[in-house]
Amino acid sequence: MNDEQIAAREAEVLGAPPRVRPLAPEELSPEVAELAREIGNVLGIPEPEDLAIWFKIMAHHPGLYRRHLEVGIELLGRGALPPVERELAIMRTGWLCGAPYEWSEHVAIARKLGVDAATIERVIVGSAAPGWSEHERALIRAVEELLADKMIGDATWEVLARSWNERQLIELPTLVGQYVAVAMMQNSLRLPLSHDRHGLRQR
């Protein structure tokens, strides 16, 4: 996406208020508050009231919220993929989904993990960008294949299988599917950006 396309996409997703009201901390049920603390521990956020608006909106649906957070906690807190590779996959997913919130949050996470601006630019270009290792290129291409064809191709799988075990290979399509679903929900809810985020311009 060029600057004009980014502006158009962000106007579409972010150009109106959220479609669902975020709950105030005192409105959270004890169950939801405990889940918020658990995901907060994974993300390094100490108290539920500090959680992003995303979680305060999802708290309207406690059952779905629980299942959503259980998967998120498993993937982010106990996942088998190396953290940098996990974030590369999530960022490529968020970019291809045109998801300003997801993209900006996971760029910020990736930067904390030591991913530099040049690598983030490569994520934007995709698997065709110069500078990837063979394994990294296969990882980015796997995301592209999953979104385009709903399947990782044989050649891509073969490259990933040289470095990853069975648990990691199972986890990748699960991770991408989870973050496609997150992008769909966040975009549809018109989730506003966190105060220090820059949407699809985040680097």
C-alpha atoms as a PDB file:
ATOM      1  CA  MET A   1       0.000   0.000   0.000  1.00  0.00           C
ATOM      2  CA  ASN A   2       1.205   3.491  -0.821  1.00  0.00           C
ATOM      3  CA  ASP A   3       0.459   6.549   1.343  1.00  0.00           C
ATOM      4  CA  GLU A   4      -2.807   7.251  -0.463  1.00  0.00           C
ATOM      5  CA  GLN A   5      -3.976   3.660  -0.045  1.00  0.00           C
ATOM      6  CA  ILE A   6      -2.991   3.678   3.631  1.00  0.00           C
ATOM      7  CA  ALA A   7      -4.964   6.889   4.177  1.00  0.00           C
ATOM      8  CA  ALA A   8      -8.010   5.404   2.442  1.00  0.00           C
ATOM      9  CA  ARG A   9      -7.834   2.175   4.428  1.00  0.00           C
ATOM     10  CA  GLU A  10      -7.413   3.952   7.739  1.00  0.00           C
ATOM     11  CA  ALA A  11     -10.323   6.267   6.928  1.00  0.00           C
ATOM     12  CA  GLU A  12     -12.443   3.184   6.264  1.00  0.00           C
ATOM     13  CA  VAL A  13     -11.437   1.371   9.458  1.00  0.00           C
ATOM     14  CA  LEU A  14     -10.708   4.229  11.860  1.00  0.00           C
ATOM     15  CA  GLY A  15     -12.772   7.090  10.454  1.00  0.00           C
ATOM     16  CA  ALA A  16     -15.719   6.656  12.827  1.00  0.00           C
ATOM     17  CA  PRO A  17     -16.131   5.820  16.540  1.00  0.00           C
ATOM     18  CA  PRO A  18     -16.022   2.198  17.754  1.00  0.00           C
ATOM     19  CA  ARG A  19     -19.195   0.305  16.932  1.00  0.00           C
ATOM     20  CA  VAL A  20     -19.350  -1.242  20.432  1.00  0.00           C
ATOM     21  CA  ARG A  21     -18.891   0.696  23.669  1.00  0.00           C
ATOM     22  CA  PRO A  22     -15.846  -0.305  25.748  1.00  0.00           C
ATOM     23  CA  LEU A  23     -16.708  -1.412  29.274  1.00  0.00           C
ATOM     24  CA  ALA A  24     -15.342   0.539  32.231  1.00  0.00           C
ATOM     25  CA  PRO A  25     -13.099  -1.439  34.633  1.00  0.00           C
ATOM     26  CA  GLU A  26     -15.851  -1.543  37.278  1.00  0.00           C
ATOM     27  CA  GLU A  27     -18.185  -3.191  34.736  1.00  0.00           C
ATOM     28  CA  LEU A  28     -15.893  -6.175  34.205  1.00  0.00           C
ATOM     29  CA  SER A  29     -17.147  -9.403  35.775  1.00  0.00           C
ATOM     30  CA  PRO A  30     -14.766 -11.165  38.214  1.00  0.00           C
ATOM     31  CA  GLU A  31     -14.159 -13.873  35.594  1.00  0.00           C
ATOM     32  CA  VAL A  32     -13.324 -11.360  32.888  1.00  0.00           C
ATOM     33  CA  ALA A  33     -11.147  -9.338  35.271  1.00  0.00           C
ATOM     34  CA  GLU A  34      -9.147 -12.477  36.109  1.00  0.00           C
ATOM     35  CA  LEU A  35      -8.690 -13.263  32.420  1.00  0.00           C
ATOM     36  CA  ALA A  36      -7.602  -9.683  31.871  1.00  0.00           C
ATOM     37  CA  ARG A  37      -4.975 -10.053  34.588  1.00  0.00           C
ATOM     38  CA  GLU A  38      -3.717 -13.271  33.016  1.00  0.00           C
ATOM     39  CA  ILE A  39      -3.299 -11.821  29.524  1.00  0.00           C
ATOM     40  CA  GLY A  40      -1.927  -8.676  31.159  1.00  0.00           C
ATOM     41  CA  ASN A  41       0.819 -10.763  32.746  1.00  0.00           C
ATOM     42  CA  VAL A  42       1.673 -12.262  29.349  1.00  0.00           C
ATOM     43  CA  LEU A  43       1.769  -8.809  27.726  1.00  0.00           C
ATOM     44  CA  GLY A  44       3.441  -7.047  30.653  1.00  0.00           C
ATOM     45  CA  ILE A  45       0.357  -4.977  31.579  1.00  0.00           C
ATOM     46  CA  PRO A  46      -0.087  -5.072  35.376  1.00  0.00           C
ATOM     47  CA  GLU A  47      -3.753  -4.154  35.907  1.00  0.00           C
ATOM     48  CA  PRO A  48      -7.007  -4.710  33.947  1.00  0.00           C
ATOM     49  CA  GLU A  49      -7.793  -0.984  33.847  1.00  0.00           C
ATOM     50  CA  ASP A  50      -4.596  -0.503  31.846  1.00  0.00           C
ATOM     51  CA  LEU A  51      -5.693  -2.963  29.192  1.00  0.00           C
ATOM     52  CA  ALA A  52      -6.278  -1.752  25.677  1.00  0.00           C
ATOM     53  CA  ILE A  53      -9.744  -0.786  24.537  1.00  0.00           C
ATOM     54  CA  TRP A  54      -9.812  -4.045  22.547  1.00  0.00           C
ATOM     55  CA  PHE A  55     -10.147  -6.117  25.702  1.00  0.00           C
ATOM     56  CA  LYS A  56     -12.719  -3.750  27.202  1.00  0.00           C
ATOM     57  CA  ILE A  57     -14.895  -4.169  24.102  1.00  0.00           C
ATOM     58  CA  MET A  58     -14.493  -7.953  23.966  1.00  0.00           C
ATOM     59  CA  ALA A  59     -15.621  -8.127  27.612  1.00  0.00           C
ATOM     60  CA  HIS A  60     -19.213  -7.694  26.323  1.00  0.00           C
ATOM     61  CA  HIS A  61     -18.965 -11.362  25.248  1.00  0.00           C
ATOM     62  CA  PRO A  62     -17.319 -13.161  28.192  1.00  0.00           C
ATOM     63  CA  GLY A  63     -17.534 -16.659  26.709  1.00  0.00           C
ATOM     64  CA  LEU A  64     -15.904 -15.666  23.441  1.00  0.00           C
ATOM     65  CA  TYR A  65     -13.494 -13.425  25.347  1.00  0.00           C
ATOM     66  CA  ARG A  66     -12.333 -16.415  27.416  1.00  0.00           C
ATOM     67  CA  ARG A  67     -11.753 -18.649  24.396  1.00  0.00           C
ATOM     68  CA  HIS A  68     -10.061 -15.833  22.488  1.00  0.00           C
ATOM     69  CA  LEU A  69      -7.699 -15.086  25.368  1.00  0.00           C
ATOM     70  CA  GLU A  70      -6.938 -18.755  25.978  1.00  0.00           C
ATOM     71  CA  VAL A  71      -5.671 -19.082  22.408  1.00  0.00           C
ATOM     72  CA  GLY A  72      -3.806 -15.784  22.675  1.00  0.00           C
ATOM     73  CA  ILE A  73      -2.148 -16.787  25.947  1.00  0.00           C
ATOM     74  CA  GLU A  74      -1.108 -20.129  24.447  1.00  0.00           C
ATOM     75  CA  LEU A  75       0.362 -18.549  21.309  1.00  0.00           C
ATOM     76  CA  LEU A  76       2.026 -15.529  22.933  1.00  0.00           C
ATOM     77  CA  GLY A  77       2.923 -16.941  26.338  1.00  0.00           C
ATOM     78  CA  ARG A  78       3.567 -20.637  25.737  1.00  0.00           C
ATOM     79  CA  GLY A  79       3.934 -20.887  21.977  1.00  0.00           C
ATOM     80  CA  ALA A  80       6.487 -23.044  20.198  1.00  0.00           C
ATOM     81  CA  LEU A  81       7.563 -20.492  17.592  1.00  0.00           C
ATOM     82  CA  PRO A  82      10.591 -18.283  18.295  1.00  0.00           C
ATOM     83  CA  PRO A  83       9.196 -14.864  19.327  1.00  0.00           C
ATOM     84  CA  VAL A  84      10.750 -12.924  16.438  1.00  0.00           C
ATOM     85  CA  GLU A  85       9.465 -15.422  13.869  1.00  0.00           C
ATOM     86  CA  ARG A  86       6.036 -15.348  15.494  1.00  0.00           C
ATOM     87  CA  GLU A  87       5.932 -11.563  15.186  1.00  0.00           C
ATOM     88  CA  LEU A  88       7.115 -11.621  11.572  1.00  0.00           C
ATOM     89  CA  ALA A  89       4.176 -13.906  10.773  1.00  0.00           C
ATOM     90  CA  ILE A  90       1.683 -11.767  12.712  1.00  0.00           C
ATOM     91  CA  MET A  91       2.927  -8.552  11.110  1.00  0.00           C
ATOM     92  CA  ARG A  92       2.625  -9.989   7.600  1.00  0.00           C
ATOM     93  CA  THR A  93      -0.874 -11.182   8.463  1.00  0.00           C
ATOM     94  CA  GLY A  94      -1.867  -7.779   9.827  1.00  0.00           C
ATOM     95  CA  TRP A  95      -0.467  -5.972   6.800  1.00  0.00           C
ATOM     96  CA  LEU A  96      -2.234  -8.211   4.288  1.00  0.00           C
ATOM     97  CA  CYS A  97      -5.482  -7.804   6.257  1.00  0.00           C
ATOM     98  CA  GLY A  98      -5.138  -4.009   6.208  1.00  0.00           C
ATOM     99  CA  ALA A  99      -5.482  -4.026   9.996  1.00  0.00           C
ATOM    100  CA  PRO A 100      -4.191  -0.760  11.520  1.00  0.00           C
ATOM    101  CA  TYR A 101      -4.559  -1.811  15.161  1.00  0.00           C
ATOM    102  CA  GLU A 102      -3.066  -5.280  14.764  1.00  0.00           C
ATOM    103  CA  TRP A 103      -0.215  -4.029  12.591  1.00  0.00           C
ATOM    104  CA  SER A 104       0.796  -1.168  14.877  1.00  0.00           C
ATOM    105  CA  GLU A 105       0.646  -3.215  18.077  1.00  0.00           C
ATOM    106  CA  HIS A 106       2.748  -6.045  16.685  1.00  0.00           C
ATOM    107  CA  VAL A 107       5.284  -3.723  15.079  1.00  0.00           C
ATOM    108  CA  ALA A 108       5.759  -2.291  18.573  1.00  0.00           C
ATOM    109  CA  ILE A 109       6.177  -5.800  20.019  1.00  0.00           C
ATOM    110  CA  ALA A 110       8.634  -6.726  17.255  1.00  0.00           C
ATOM    111  CA  ARG A 111      10.713  -3.606  17.879  1.00  0.00           C
ATOM    112  CA  LYS A 112      10.981  -4.549  21.566  1.00  0.00           C
ATOM    113  CA  LEU A 113      12.282  -7.940  20.429  1.00  0.00           C
ATOM    114  CA  GLY A 114      15.026  -6.238  18.407  1.00  0.00           C
ATOM    115  CA  VAL A 115      13.478  -6.286  14.926  1.00  0.00           C
ATOM    116  CA  ASP A 116      14.827  -3.295  13.004  1.00  0.00           C
ATOM    117  CA  ALA A 117      13.056  -0.887  10.652  1.00  0.00           C
ATOM    118  CA  ALA A 118      14.617  -2.477   7.561  1.00  0.00           C
ATOM    119  CA  THR A 119      13.122  -5.856   8.470  1.00  0.00           C
ATOM    120  CA  ILE A 120       9.713  -4.276   9.029  1.00  0.00           C
ATOM    121  CA  GLU A 121       9.937  -2.731   5.556  1.00  0.00           C
ATOM    122  CA  ARG A 122      10.701  -6.199   4.179  1.00  0.00           C
ATOM    123  CA  VAL A 123       7.591  -7.542   5.911  1.00  0.00           C
ATOM    124  CA  ILE A 124       5.571  -4.903   4.057  1.00  0.00           C
ATOM    125  CA  VAL A 125       7.058  -5.915   0.688  1.00  0.00           C
ATOM    126  CA  GLY A 126       6.651  -9.597   1.503  1.00  0.00           C
ATOM    127  CA  SER A 127       8.471 -12.763   0.536  1.00  0.00           C
ATOM    128  CA  ALA A 128       9.787 -11.211  -2.690  1.00  0.00           C
ATOM    129  CA  ALA A 129      11.834  -8.630  -0.759  1.00  0.00           C
ATOM    130  CA  PRO A 130      15.621  -9.035  -0.874  1.00  0.00           C
ATOM    131  CA  GLY A 131      17.449  -9.739   2.358  1.00  0.00           C
ATOM    132  CA  TRP A 132      15.486 -12.638   3.828  1.00  0.00           C
ATOM    133  CA  SER A 133      17.169 -15.874   4.824  1.00  0.00           C
ATOM    134  CA  GLU A 134      15.716 -18.954   3.138  1.00  0.00           C
ATOM    135  CA  HIS A 135      13.794 -19.840   6.301  1.00  0.00           C
ATOM    136  CA  GLU A 136      12.463 -16.304   6.836  1.00  0.00           C
ATOM    137  CA  ARG A 137      11.357 -16.076   3.219  1.00  0.00           C
ATOM    138  CA  ALA A 138       9.475 -19.362   3.594  1.00  0.00           C
ATOM    139  CA  LEU A 139       7.825 -18.081   6.774  1.00  0.00           C
ATOM    140  CA  ILE A 140       6.589 -14.901   5.085  1.00  0.00           C
ATOM    141  CA  ARG A 141       5.551 -16.852   1.988  1.00  0.00           C
ATOM    142  CA  ALA A 142       3.611 -19.301   4.180  1.00  0.00           C
ATOM    143  CA  VAL A 143       1.511 -16.413   5.498  1.00  0.00           C
ATOM    144  CA  GLU A 144       0.882 -15.206   1.950  1.00  0.00           C
ATOM    145  CA  GLU A 145      -0.126 -18.691   0.818  1.00  0.00           C
ATOM    146  CA  LEU A 146      -2.444 -19.178   3.785  1.00  0.00           C
ATOM    147  CA  LEU A 147      -4.282 -15.941   3.059  1.00  0.00           C
ATOM    148  CA  ALA A 148      -4.415 -16.517  -0.703  1.00  0.00           C
ATOM    149  CA  ASP A 149      -5.005 -20.278  -0.879  1.00  0.00           C
ATOM    150  CA  LYS A 150      -5.847 -21.274   2.731  1.00  0.00           C
ATOM    151  CA  MET A 151      -2.958 -23.751   2.609  1.00  0.00           C
ATOM    152  CA  ILE A 152       0.830 -23.742   2.883  1.00  0.00           C
ATOM    153  CA  GLY A 153       2.331 -25.063  -0.344  1.00  0.00           C
ATOM    154  CA  ASP A 154       4.610 -28.103  -0.466  1.00  0.00           C
ATOM    155  CA  ALA A 155       7.784 -26.196  -1.364  1.00  0.00           C
ATOM    156  CA  THR A 156       7.268 -23.703   1.458  1.00  0.00           C
ATOM    157  CA  TRP A 157       6.420 -26.441   3.951  1.00  0.00           C
ATOM    158  CA  GLU A 158       9.564 -28.349   3.010  1.00  0.00           C
ATOM    159  CA  VAL A 159      11.781 -25.355   3.798  1.00  0.00           C
ATOM    160  CA  LEU A 160      10.076 -24.710   7.138  1.00  0.00           C
ATOM    161  CA  ALA A 161      10.281 -28.390   8.083  1.00  0.00           C
ATOM    162  CA  ARG A 162      14.078 -28.292   7.819  1.00  0.00           C
ATOM    163  CA  SER A 163      14.232 -26.005  10.853  1.00  0.00           C
ATOM    164  CA  TRP A 164      10.984 -26.558  12.738  1.00  0.00           C
ATOM    165  CA  ASN A 165       9.549 -29.499  14.634  1.00  0.00           C
ATOM    166  CA  GLU A 166       6.010 -30.817  14.316  1.00  0.00           C
ATOM    167  CA  ARG A 167       4.646 -28.608  17.082  1.00  0.00           C
ATOM    168  CA  GLN A 168       5.972 -25.485  15.372  1.00  0.00           C
ATOM    169  CA  LEU A 169       4.615 -26.553  11.989  1.00  0.00           C
ATOM    170  CA  ILE A 170       1.164 -27.084  13.484  1.00  0.00           C
ATOM    171  CA  GLU A 171       1.310 -23.764  15.289  1.00  0.00           C
ATOM    172  CA  LEU A 172       2.020 -21.536  12.272  1.00  0.00           C
ATOM    173  CA  PRO A 173      -1.334 -21.928  10.437  1.00  0.00           C
ATOM    174  CA  THR A 174      -3.096 -21.707  13.809  1.00  0.00           C
ATOM    175  CA  LEU A 175      -1.280 -18.444  14.551  1.00  0.00           C
ATOM    176  CA  VAL A 176      -2.127 -16.954  11.170  1.00  0.00           C
ATOM    177  CA  GLY A 177      -5.762 -18.034  11.441  1.00  0.00           C
ATOM    178  CA  GLN A 178      -6.012 -16.515  14.909  1.00  0.00           C
ATOM    179  CA  TYR A 179      -4.674 -13.170  13.743  1.00  0.00           C
ATOM    180  CA  VAL A 180      -6.828 -13.102  10.613  1.00  0.00           C
ATOM    181  CA  ALA A 181      -9.807 -13.507  12.956  1.00  0.00           C
ATOM    182  CA  VAL A 182      -8.455 -10.785  15.257  1.00  0.00           C
ATOM    183  CA  ALA A 183      -7.976  -8.439  12.290  1.00  0.00           C
ATOM    184  CA  MET A 184     -11.542  -9.065  11.127  1.00  0.00           C
ATOM    185  CA  MET A 185     -12.948  -8.354  14.580  1.00  0.00           C
ATOM    186  CA  GLN A 186     -10.814  -5.276  15.235  1.00  0.00           C
ATOM    187  CA  ASN A 187     -11.487  -3.785  11.808  1.00  0.00           C
ATOM    188  CA  SER A 188     -15.220  -4.502  11.996  1.00  0.00           C
ATOM    189  CA  LEU A 189     -15.481  -3.018  15.485  1.00  0.00           C
ATOM    190  CA  ARG A 190     -13.550   0.063  14.278  1.00  0.00           C
ATOM    191  CA  LEU A 191     -11.100  -0.339  17.122  1.00  0.00           C
ATOM    192  CA  PRO A 192      -9.219   2.943  17.647  1.00  0.00           C
ATOM    193  CA  LEU A 193      -5.445   2.964  17.891  1.00  0.00           C
ATOM    194  CA  SER A 194      -3.624   3.140  21.201  1.00  0.00           C
ATOM    195  CA  HIS A 195      -2.508   6.690  21.943  1.00  0.00           C
ATOM    196  CA  ASP A 196       1.115   6.184  20.869  1.00  0.00           C
ATOM    197  CA  ARG A 197       0.482   4.068  17.763  1.00  0.00           C
ATOM    198  CA  HIS A 198       0.482   5.124  14.117  1.00  0.00           C
ATOM    199  CA  GLY A 199      -1.618   2.468  12.427  1.00  0.00           C
ATOM    200  CA  LEU A 200      -0.334   1.183   9.104  1.00  0.00           C
ATOM    201  CA  ARG A 201       2.422   3.816   9.194  1.00  0.00           C
ATOM    202  CA  GLN A 202       3.939   2.287  12.343  1.00  0.00           C
ATOM    203  CA  ARG A 203       7.572   1.295  11.847  1.00  0.00           C
END
